[in-house]
All heavy atoms as atom14 arrays in JSON, in Angstrom:
{
  "sequence": "PSDYEGLLVELEATDGCTTLPFRKLMAARAFAQTAAYDSMISQ",
  "atom14_mask": [
    [1, 1, 1, 1, 1, 1, 1, 0, 0, 0, 0, 0, 0, 0],
    [1, 1, 1, 1, 1, 1, 0, 0, 0, 0, 0, 0, 0, 0],
    [1, 1, 1, 1, 1, 1, 1, 1, 0, 0, 0, 0, 0, 0],
    [1, 1, 1, 1, 1, 1, 1, 1, 1, 1, 1, 1, 0, 0],
    [1, 1, 1, 1, 1, 1, 1, 1, 1, 0, 0, 0, 0, 0],
    [1, 1, 1, 1, 0, 0, 0, 0, 0, 0, 0, 0, 0, 0],
    [1, 1, 1, 1, 1, 1, 1, 1, 0, 0, 0, 0, 0, 0],
    [1, 1, 1, 1, 1, 1, 1, 1, 0, 0, 0, 0, 0, 0],
    [1, 1, 1, 1, 1, 1, 1, 0, 0, 0, 0, 0, 0, 0],
    [1, 1, 1, 1, 1, 1, 1, 1, 1, 0, 0, 0, 0, 0],
    [1, 1, 1, 1, 1, 1, 1, 1, 0, 0, 0, 0, 0, 0],
    [1, 1, 1, 1, 1, 1, 1, 1, 1, 0, 0, 0, 0, 0],
    [1, 1, 1, 1, 1, 0, 0, 0, 0, 0, 0, 0, 0, 0],
    [1, 1, 1, 1, 1, 1, 1, 0, 0, 0, 0, 0, 0, 0],
    [1, 1, 1, 1, 1, 1, 1, 1, 0, 0, 0, 0, 0, 0],
    [1, 1, 1, 1, 0, 0, 0, 0, 0, 0, 0, 0, 0, 0],
    [1, 1, 1, 1, 1, 1, 0, 0, 0, 0, 0, 0, 0, 0],
    [1, 1, 1, 1, 1, 1, 1, 0, 0, 0, 0, 0, 0, 0],
    [1, 1, 1, 1, 1, 1, 1, 0, 0, 0, 0, 0, 0, 0],
    [1, 1, 1, 1, 1, 1, 1, 1, 0, 0, 0, 0, 0, 0],
    [1, 1, 1, 1, 1, 1, 1, 0, 0, 0, 0, 0, 0, 0],
    [1, 1, 1, 1, 1, 1, 1, 1, 1, 1, 1, 0, 0, 0],
    [1, 1, 1, 1, 1, 1, 1, 1, 1, 1, 1, 0, 0, 0],
    [1, 1, 1, 1, 1, 1, 1, 1, 1, 0, 0, 0, 0, 0],
    [1, 1, 1, 1, 1, 1, 1, 1, 0, 0, 0, 0, 0, 0],
    [1, 1, 1, 1, 1, 1, 1, 1, 0, 0, 0, 0, 0, 0],
    [1, 1, 1, 1, 1, 0, 0, 0, 0, 0, 0, 0, 0, 0],
    [1, 1, 1, 1, 1, 0, 0, 0, 0, 0, 0, 0, 0, 0],
    [1, 1, 1, 1, 1, 1, 1, 1, 1, 1, 1, 0, 0, 0],
    [1, 1, 1, 1, 1, 0, 0, 0, 0, 0, 0, 0, 0, 0],
    [1, 1, 1, 1, 1, 1, 1, 1, 1, 1, 1, 0, 0, 0],
    [1, 1, 1, 1, 1, 0, 0, 0, 0, 0, 0, 0, 0, 0],
    [1, 1, 1, 1, 1, 1, 1, 1, 1, 0, 0, 0, 0, 0],
    [1, 1, 1, 1, 1, 1, 1, 0, 0, 0, 0, 0, 0, 0],
    [1, 1, 1, 1, 1, 0, 0, 0, 0, 0, 0, 0, 0, 0],
    [1, 1, 1, 1, 1, 0, 0, 0, 0, 0, 0, 0, 0, 0],
    [1, 1, 1, 1, 1, 1, 1, 1, 1, 1, 1, 1, 0, 0],
    [1, 1, 1, 1, 1, 1, 1, 1, 0, 0, 0, 0, 0, 0],
    [1, 1, 1, 1, 1, 1, 0, 0, 0, 0, 0, 0, 0, 0],
    [1, 1, 1, 1, 1, 1, 1, 1, 0, 0, 0, 0, 0, 0],
    [1, 1, 1, 1, 1, 1, 1, 1, 0, 0, 0, 0, 0, 0],
    [1, 1, 1, 1, 1, 1, 0, 0, 0, 0, 0, 0, 0, 0],
    [1, 1, 1, 1, 1, 1, 1, 1, 1, 0, 0, 0, 0, 0]
  ],
  "atom14_positions": [
    [[-6.69, -1.31, -5.66], [-7.23, -0.1, -6.29], [-7.87, 0.87, -5.3], [-7.92, 2.07, -5.56], [-8.28, -0.67, -7.26], [-7.78, -2.04, -7.62], [-7.15, -2.55, -6.35], [0.0, 0.0, 0.0], [0.0, 0.0, 0.0], [0.0, 0.0, 0.0], [0.0, 0.0, 0.0], [0.0, 0.0, 0.0], [0.0, 0.0, 0.0], [0.0, 0.0, 0.0]],
    [[-8.33, 0.35, -4.17], [-8.94, 1.24, -3.17], [-7.91, 2.19, -2.56], [-8.28, 3.17, -1.91], [-9.63, 0.44, -2.08], [-8.69, -0.31, -1.32], [0.0, 0.0, 0.0], [0.0, 0.0, 0.0], [0.0, 0.0, 0.0], [0.0, 0.0, 0.0], [0.0, 0.0, 0.0], [0.0, 0.0, 0.0], [0.0, 0.0, 0.0], [0.0, 0.0, 0.0]],
    [[-6.61, 1.9, -2.75], [-5.56, 2.77, -2.21], [-5.07, 3.8, -3.22], [-4.2, 4.62, -2.9], [-4.37, 1.92, -1.74], [-4.67, 1.18, -0.44], [-5.34, 1.77, 0.42], [-4.23, 0.02, -0.3], [0.0, 0.0, 0.0], [0.0, 0.0, 0.0], [0.0, 0.0, 0.0], [0.0, 0.0, 0.0], [0.0, 0.0, 0.0], [0.0, 0.0, 0.0]],
    [[-5.6, 3.77, -4.46], [-5.13, 4.73, -5.47], [-5.42, 6.16, -5.02], [-4.57, 7.06, -5.17], [-5.81, 4.48, -6.82], [-5.45, 3.18, -7.5], [-6.11, 2.77, -8.66], [-4.45, 2.35, -7.0], [-5.79, 1.59, -9.3], [-4.12, 1.15, -7.63], [-4.8, 0.77, -8.78], [-4.5, -0.4, -9.42], [0.0, 0.0, 0.0], [0.0, 0.0, 0.0]],
    [[-6.61, 6.38, -4.51], [-6.96, 7.74, -4.09], [-6.03, 8.22, -2.99], [-5.57, 9.37, -3.0], [-8.41, 7.78, -3.6], [-8.86, 9.17, -3.21], [-10.32, 9.23, -2.75], [-11.01, 8.19, -2.85], [-10.75, 10.31, -2.28], [0.0, 0.0, 0.0], [0.0, 0.0, 0.0], [0.0, 0.0, 0.0], [0.0, 0.0, 0.0], [0.0, 0.0, 0.0]],
    [[-5.72, 7.34, -2.03], [-4.8, 7.72, -0.95], [-3.42, 8.06, -1.48], [-2.75, 8.98, -0.98], [0.0, 0.0, 0.0], [0.0, 0.0, 0.0], [0.0, 0.0, 0.0], [0.0, 0.0, 0.0], [0.0, 0.0, 0.0], [0.0, 0.0, 0.0], [0.0, 0.0, 0.0], [0.0, 0.0, 0.0], [0.0, 0.0, 0.0], [0.0, 0.0, 0.0]],
    [[-2.97, 7.32, -2.49], [-1.67, 7.61, -3.11], [-1.67, 9.0, -3.75], [-0.73, 9.78, -3.57], [-1.36, 6.54, -4.16], [-0.16, 6.82, -5.07], [1.13, 6.85, -4.27], [-0.07, 5.79, -6.2], [0.0, 0.0, 0.0], [0.0, 0.0, 0.0], [0.0, 0.0, 0.0], [0.0, 0.0, 0.0], [0.0, 0.0, 0.0], [0.0, 0.0, 0.0]],
    [[-2.73, 9.3, -4.49], [-2.8, 10.59, -5.16], [-2.89, 11.75, -4.17], [-2.31, 12.82, -4.39], [-3.98, 10.61, -6.13], [-3.88, 9.6, -7.3], [-5.12, 9.69, -8.18], [-2.61, 9.83, -8.11], [0.0, 0.0, 0.0], [0.0, 0.0, 0.0], [0.0, 0.0, 0.0], [0.0, 0.0, 0.0], [0.0, 0.0, 0.0], [0.0, 0.0, 0.0]],
    [[-3.61, 11.54, -3.08], [-3.67, 12.56, -2.03], [-2.28, 12.78, -1.44], [-1.86, 13.92, -1.17], [-4.67, 12.13, -0.93], [-4.55, 13.04, 0.3], [-6.1, 12.15, -1.46], [0.0, 0.0, 0.0], [0.0, 0.0, 0.0], [0.0, 0.0, 0.0], [0.0, 0.0, 0.0], [0.0, 0.0, 0.0], [0.0, 0.0, 0.0], [0.0, 0.0, 0.0]],
    [[-1.55, 11.68, -1.22], [-0.18, 11.77, -0.7], [0.72, 12.55, -1.65], [1.48, 13.43, -1.22], [0.37, 10.36, -0.47], [1.81, 10.29, -0.02], [2.01, 10.5, 1.47], [1.01, 10.79, 2.16], [3.14, 10.38, 1.95], [0.0, 0.0, 0.0], [0.0, 0.0, 0.0], [0.0, 0.0, 0.0], [0.0, 0.0, 0.0], [0.0, 0.0, 0.0]],
    [[0.65, 12.24, -2.93], [1.49, 12.94, -3.91], [1.14, 14.42, -3.99], [2.02, 15.28, -4.13], [1.32, 12.29, -5.28], [1.82, 10.84, -5.42], [1.49, 10.3, -6.8], [3.32, 10.75, -5.15], [0.0, 0.0, 0.0], [0.0, 0.0, 0.0], [0.0, 0.0, 0.0], [0.0, 0.0, 0.0], [0.0, 0.0, 0.0], [0.0, 0.0, 0.0]],
    [[-0.14, 14.73, -3.88], [-0.57, 16.13, -3.92], [-0.06, 16.89, -2.7], [0.39, 18.05, -2.82], [-2.1, 16.19, -3.98], [-2.68, 17.59, -4.02], [-2.34, 18.34, -5.3], [-2.11, 17.68, -6.34], [-2.28, 19.59, -5.25], [0.0, 0.0, 0.0], [0.0, 0.0, 0.0], [0.0, 0.0, 0.0], [0.0, 0.0, 0.0], [0.0, 0.0, 0.0]],
    [[-0.09, 16.24, -1.56], [0.3, 16.91, -0.32], [1.8, 17.1, -0.2], [2.26, 17.98, 0.55], [-0.22, 16.11, 0.88], [0.0, 0.0, 0.0], [0.0, 0.0, 0.0], [0.0, 0.0, 0.0], [0.0, 0.0, 0.0], [0.0, 0.0, 0.0], [0.0, 0.0, 0.0], [0.0, 0.0, 0.0], [0.0, 0.0, 0.0], [0.0, 0.0, 0.0]],
    [[2.57, 16.3, -0.92], [4.04, 16.34, -0.75], [4.76, 16.7, -2.05], [5.94, 16.4, -2.19], [4.54, 14.97, -0.25], [4.13, 13.95, -1.18], [3.99, 14.65, 1.13], [0.0, 0.0, 0.0], [0.0, 0.0, 0.0], [0.0, 0.0, 0.0], [0.0, 0.0, 0.0], [0.0, 0.0, 0.0], [0.0, 0.0, 0.0], [0.0, 0.0, 0.0]],
    [[4.02, 17.31, -2.99], [4.62, 17.77, -4.25], [5.29, 16.62, -5.0], [6.44, 16.71, -5.42], [5.62, 18.89, -3.98], [5.99, 19.65, -5.27], [5.18, 19.6, -6.22], [7.08, 20.24, -5.31], [0.0, 0.0, 0.0], [0.0, 0.0, 0.0], [0.0, 0.0, 0.0], [0.0, 0.0, 0.0], [0.0, 0.0, 0.0], [0.0, 0.0, 0.0]],
    [[4.53, 15.51, -5.16], [5.02, 14.39, -5.97], [5.89, 13.41, -5.24], [6.54, 12.56, -5.88], [0.0, 0.0, 0.0], [0.0, 0.0, 0.0], [0.0, 0.0, 0.0], [0.0, 0.0, 0.0], [0.0, 0.0, 0.0], [0.0, 0.0, 0.0], [0.0, 0.0, 0.0], [0.0, 0.0, 0.0], [0.0, 0.0, 0.0], [0.0, 0.0, 0.0]],
    [[5.9, 13.47, -3.92], [6.7, 12.54, -3.11], [5.78, 11.64, -2.29], [4.57, 11.87, -2.2], [7.62, 13.3, -2.16], [8.84, 14.34, -2.97], [0.0, 0.0, 0.0], [0.0, 0.0, 0.0], [0.0, 0.0, 0.0], [0.0, 0.0, 0.0], [0.0, 0.0, 0.0], [0.0, 0.0, 0.0], [0.0, 0.0, 0.0], [0.0, 0.0, 0.0]],
    [[6.37, 10.62, -1.69], [5.67, 9.85, -0.66], [6.51, 9.89, 0.61], [7.74, 9.92, 0.56], [5.46, 8.37, -1.07], [6.72, 7.75, -1.32], [4.56, 8.27, -2.29], [0.0, 0.0, 0.0], [0.0, 0.0, 0.0], [0.0, 0.0, 0.0], [0.0, 0.0, 0.0], [0.0, 0.0, 0.0], [0.0, 0.0, 0.0], [0.0, 0.0, 0.0]],
    [[5.83, 9.91, 1.74], [6.51, 9.96, 3.02], [6.76, 8.55, 3.54], [6.08, 7.58, 3.14], [5.68, 10.73, 4.05], [4.42, 10.06, 4.21], [5.45, 12.16, 3.6], [0.0, 0.0, 0.0], [0.0, 0.0, 0.0], [0.0, 0.0, 0.0], [0.0, 0.0, 0.0], [0.0, 0.0, 0.0], [0.0, 0.0, 0.0], [0.0, 0.0, 0.0]],
    [[7.7, 8.42, 4.46], [8.02, 7.11, 5.03], [6.82, 6.47, 5.73], [6.56, 5.27, 5.54], [9.2, 7.23, 5.99], [9.67, 5.91, 6.64], [10.05, 4.88, 5.59], [10.82, 6.18, 7.61], [0.0, 0.0, 0.0], [0.0, 0.0, 0.0], [0.0, 0.0, 0.0], [0.0, 0.0, 0.0], [0.0, 0.0, 0.0], [0.0, 0.0, 0.0]],
    [[6.04, 7.22, 6.54], [4.87, 6.58, 7.16], [3.9, 6.0, 6.14], [3.34, 4.92, 6.35], [4.23, 7.72, 7.97], [5.36, 8.64, 8.28], [6.24, 8.59, 7.06], [0.0, 0.0, 0.0], [0.0, 0.0, 0.0], [0.0, 0.0, 0.0], [0.0, 0.0, 0.0], [0.0, 0.0, 0.0], [0.0, 0.0, 0.0], [0.0, 0.0, 0.0]],
    [[3.72, 6.7, 5.02], [2.82, 6.18, 3.98], [3.4, 4.92, 3.36], [2.69, 3.93, 3.15], [2.6, 7.25, 2.9], [1.68, 6.81, 1.8], [0.31, 6.84, 1.98], [2.18, 6.34, 0.59], [-0.56, 6.44, 0.96], [1.33, 5.93, -0.43], [-0.04, 5.97, -0.24], [0.0, 0.0, 0.0], [0.0, 0.0, 0.0], [0.0, 0.0, 0.0]],
    [[4.7, 4.93, 3.08], [5.32, 3.75, 2.46], [5.3, 2.55, 3.41], [5.11, 1.41, 2.98], [6.75, 4.08, 2.03], [6.82, 5.14, 0.93], [8.2, 5.18, 0.28], [9.28, 5.47, 1.21], [9.64, 6.68, 1.62], [8.97, 7.76, 1.16], [10.64, 6.85, 2.46], [0.0, 0.0, 0.0], [0.0, 0.0, 0.0], [0.0, 0.0, 0.0]],
    [[5.47, 2.82, 4.69], [5.4, 1.72, 5.67], [3.99, 1.12, 5.72], [3.83, -0.1, 5.8], [5.82, 2.24, 7.05], [7.3, 2.51, 7.19], [7.64, 3.28, 8.46], [7.41, 2.46, 9.7], [7.86, 3.17, 10.91], [0.0, 0.0, 0.0], [0.0, 0.0, 0.0], [0.0, 0.0, 0.0], [0.0, 0.0, 0.0], [0.0, 0.0, 0.0]],
    [[2.98, 1.99, 5.68], [1.61, 1.5, 5.7], [1.32, 0.65, 4.47], [0.73, -0.43, 4.55], [0.64, 2.7, 5.73], [-0.85, 2.36, 5.6], [-1.33, 1.5, 6.76], [-1.67, 3.65, 5.52], [0.0, 0.0, 0.0], [0.0, 0.0, 0.0], [0.0, 0.0, 0.0], [0.0, 0.0, 0.0], [0.0, 0.0, 0.0], [0.0, 0.0, 0.0]],
    [[1.74, 1.14, 3.29], [1.52, 0.39, 2.05], [2.3, -0.93, 2.05], [1.81, -1.95, 1.54], [1.93, 1.23, 0.84], [1.05, 2.45, 0.58], [-0.68, 2.02, 0.18], [-1.45, 2.38, 1.75], [0.0, 0.0, 0.0], [0.0, 0.0, 0.0], [0.0, 0.0, 0.0], [0.0, 0.0, 0.0], [0.0, 0.0, 0.0], [0.0, 0.0, 0.0]],
    [[3.5, -0.94, 2.63], [4.28, -2.18, 2.71], [3.58, -3.2, 3.6], [3.54, -4.4, 3.27], [5.68, -1.87, 3.25], [0.0, 0.0, 0.0], [0.0, 0.0, 0.0], [0.0, 0.0, 0.0], [0.0, 0.0, 0.0], [0.0, 0.0, 0.0], [0.0, 0.0, 0.0], [0.0, 0.0, 0.0], [0.0, 0.0, 0.0], [0.0, 0.0, 0.0]],
    [[3.04, -2.74, 4.71], [2.32, -3.65, 5.6], [1.13, -4.27, 4.88], [0.89, -5.49, 4.98], [1.86, -2.9, 6.85], [0.0, 0.0, 0.0], [0.0, 0.0, 0.0], [0.0, 0.0, 0.0], [0.0, 0.0, 0.0], [0.0, 0.0, 0.0], [0.0, 0.0, 0.0], [0.0, 0.0, 0.0], [0.0, 0.0, 0.0], [0.0, 0.0, 0.0]],
    [[0.39, -3.46, 4.14], [-0.76, -3.98, 3.39], [-0.31, -4.93, 2.29], [-0.98, -5.92, 1.99], [-1.57, -2.82, 2.81], [-2.29, -1.99, 3.87], [-3.08, -0.84, 3.26], [-3.75, -0.07, 4.3], [-4.43, 1.04, 4.09], [-4.55, 1.53, 2.85], [-5.01, 1.68, 5.09], [0.0, 0.0, 0.0], [0.0, 0.0, 0.0], [0.0, 0.0, 0.0]],
    [[0.82, -4.63, 1.69], [1.33, -5.47, 0.61], [1.71, -6.85, 1.12], [1.38, -7.87, 0.49], [2.53, -4.8, -0.05], [0.0, 0.0, 0.0], [0.0, 0.0, 0.0], [0.0, 0.0, 0.0], [0.0, 0.0, 0.0], [0.0, 0.0, 0.0], [0.0, 0.0, 0.0], [0.0, 0.0, 0.0], [0.0, 0.0, 0.0], [0.0, 0.0, 0.0]],
    [[2.42, -6.91, 2.24], [2.79, -8.22, 2.77], [1.56, -9.0, 3.25], [1.51, -10.23, 3.12], [3.81, -8.06, 3.91], [5.22, -7.87, 3.42], [5.93, -6.72, 3.73], [5.84, -8.84, 2.66], [7.23, -6.55, 3.27], [7.15, -8.68, 2.2], [7.86, -7.51, 2.51], [0.0, 0.0, 0.0], [0.0, 0.0, 0.0], [0.0, 0.0, 0.0]],
    [[0.58, -8.29, 3.78], [-0.67, -8.97, 4.14], [-1.34, -9.55, 2.9], [-1.91, -10.65, 2.93], [-1.61, -7.99, 4.85], [0.0, 0.0, 0.0], [0.0, 0.0, 0.0], [0.0, 0.0, 0.0], [0.0, 0.0, 0.0], [0.0, 0.0, 0.0], [0.0, 0.0, 0.0], [0.0, 0.0, 0.0], [0.0, 0.0, 0.0], [0.0, 0.0, 0.0]],
    [[-1.26, -8.8, 1.79], [-1.87, -9.26, 0.53], [-1.19, -10.53, 0.02], [-1.85, -11.49, -0.36], [-1.78, -8.15, -0.51], [-2.17, -8.55, -1.92], [-3.65, -8.86, -2.07], [-4.43, -8.52, -1.19], [-4.02, -9.51, -3.15], [0.0, 0.0, 0.0], [0.0, 0.0, 0.0], [0.0, 0.0, 0.0], [0.0, 0.0, 0.0], [0.0, 0.0, 0.0]],
    [[0.14, -10.53, -0.01], [0.84, -11.72, -0.53], [0.68, -12.9, 0.43], [0.6, -14.05, -0.03], [2.33, -11.43, -0.76], [2.94, -10.96, 0.46], [2.52, -10.39, -1.85], [0.0, 0.0, 0.0], [0.0, 0.0, 0.0], [0.0, 0.0, 0.0], [0.0, 0.0, 0.0], [0.0, 0.0, 0.0], [0.0, 0.0, 0.0], [0.0, 0.0, 0.0]],
    [[0.62, -12.62, 1.72], [0.41, -13.71, 2.68], [-0.96, -14.35, 2.47], [-1.09, -15.59, 2.46], [0.53, -13.19, 4.11], [0.0, 0.0, 0.0], [0.0, 0.0, 0.0], [0.0, 0.0, 0.0], [0.0, 0.0, 0.0], [0.0, 0.0, 0.0], [0.0, 0.0, 0.0], [0.0, 0.0, 0.0], [0.0, 0.0, 0.0], [0.0, 0.0, 0.0]],
    [[-1.98, -13.51, 2.3], [-3.32, -14.04, 2.07], [-3.39, -14.78, 0.74], [-4.05, -15.83, 0.63], [-4.34, -12.89, 2.09], [0.0, 0.0, 0.0], [0.0, 0.0, 0.0], [0.0, 0.0, 0.0], [0.0, 0.0, 0.0], [0.0, 0.0, 0.0], [0.0, 0.0, 0.0], [0.0, 0.0, 0.0], [0.0, 0.0, 0.0], [0.0, 0.0, 0.0]],
    [[-2.72, -14.26, -0.26], [-2.72, -14.88, -1.59], [-2.09, -16.27, -1.53], [-2.66, -17.26, -2.02], [-1.96, -13.99, -2.55], [-2.11, -14.33, -4.02], [-3.28, -14.02, -4.71], [-1.08, -14.96, -4.71], [-3.42, -14.32, -6.07], [-1.21, -15.27, -6.07], [-2.38, -14.94, -6.73], [-2.51, -15.25, -8.07], [0.0, 0.0, 0.0], [0.0, 0.0, 0.0]],
    [[-0.93, -16.36, -0.91], [-0.27, -17.66, -0.76], [-1.09, -18.61, 0.09], [-1.1, -19.82, -0.14], [1.12, -17.47, -0.15], [2.11, -16.89, -1.15], [1.86, -17.0, -2.37], [3.15, -16.35, -0.72], [0.0, 0.0, 0.0], [0.0, 0.0, 0.0], [0.0, 0.0, 0.0], [0.0, 0.0, 0.0], [0.0, 0.0, 0.0], [0.0, 0.0, 0.0]],
    [[-1.77, -18.05, 1.09], [-2.63, -18.87, 1.94], [-3.76, -19.5, 1.13], [-4.07, -20.69, 1.28], [-3.2, -18.02, 3.07], [-4.19, -18.73, 3.77], [0.0, 0.0, 0.0], [0.0, 0.0, 0.0], [0.0, 0.0, 0.0], [0.0, 0.0, 0.0], [0.0, 0.0, 0.0], [0.0, 0.0, 0.0], [0.0, 0.0, 0.0], [0.0, 0.0, 0.0]],
    [[-4.39, -18.7, 0.25], [-5.45, -19.24, -0.61], [-4.93, -20.39, -1.46], [-5.58, -21.43, -1.61], [-6.0, -18.15, -1.51], [-6.98, -17.21, -0.87], [-7.76, -16.16, -2.12], [-6.39, -15.13, -2.63], [0.0, 0.0, 0.0], [0.0, 0.0, 0.0], [0.0, 0.0, 0.0], [0.0, 0.0, 0.0], [0.0, 0.0, 0.0], [0.0, 0.0, 0.0]],
    [[-3.75, -20.2, -2.02], [-3.18, -21.23, -2.89], [-2.87, -22.49, -2.09], [-3.17, -23.61, -2.53], [-1.91, -20.68, -3.58], [-2.29, -19.53, -4.52], [-1.19, -21.79, -4.36], [-1.1, -18.75, -5.05], [0.0, 0.0, 0.0], [0.0, 0.0, 0.0], [0.0, 0.0, 0.0], [0.0, 0.0, 0.0], [0.0, 0.0, 0.0], [0.0, 0.0, 0.0]],
    [[-2.28, -22.32, -0.91], [-1.95, -23.49, -0.09], [-3.2, -24.24, 0.34], [-3.22, -25.48, 0.37], [-1.12, -23.07, 1.13], [-1.91, -22.4, 2.09], [0.0, 0.0, 0.0], [0.0, 0.0, 0.0], [0.0, 0.0, 0.0], [0.0, 0.0, 0.0], [0.0, 0.0, 0.0], [0.0, 0.0, 0.0], [0.0, 0.0, 0.0], [0.0, 0.0, 0.0]],
    [[-4.26, -23.5, 0.65], [-5.51, -24.15, 1.03], [-6.12, -24.92, -0.14], [-6.63, -26.02, 0.03], [-6.5, -23.12, 1.55], [-6.15, -22.55, 2.91], [-7.21, -21.61, 3.44], [-8.39, -21.89, 3.35], [-6.8, -20.48, 3.98], [0.0, 0.0, 0.0], [0.0, 0.0, 0.0], [0.0, 0.0, 0.0], [0.0, 0.0, 0.0], [0.0, 0.0, 0.0]]
  ]
}
């Protein structure tokens, strides 16, 4: 949820689009999230 504001700023700046750098950043955070989640479960 802390990234919602960044998403809305991105959409505002690009007329409803997202740029590749933004999507890459969000993908990196997403994989870190699932890695940490699976790590908690395995522990």
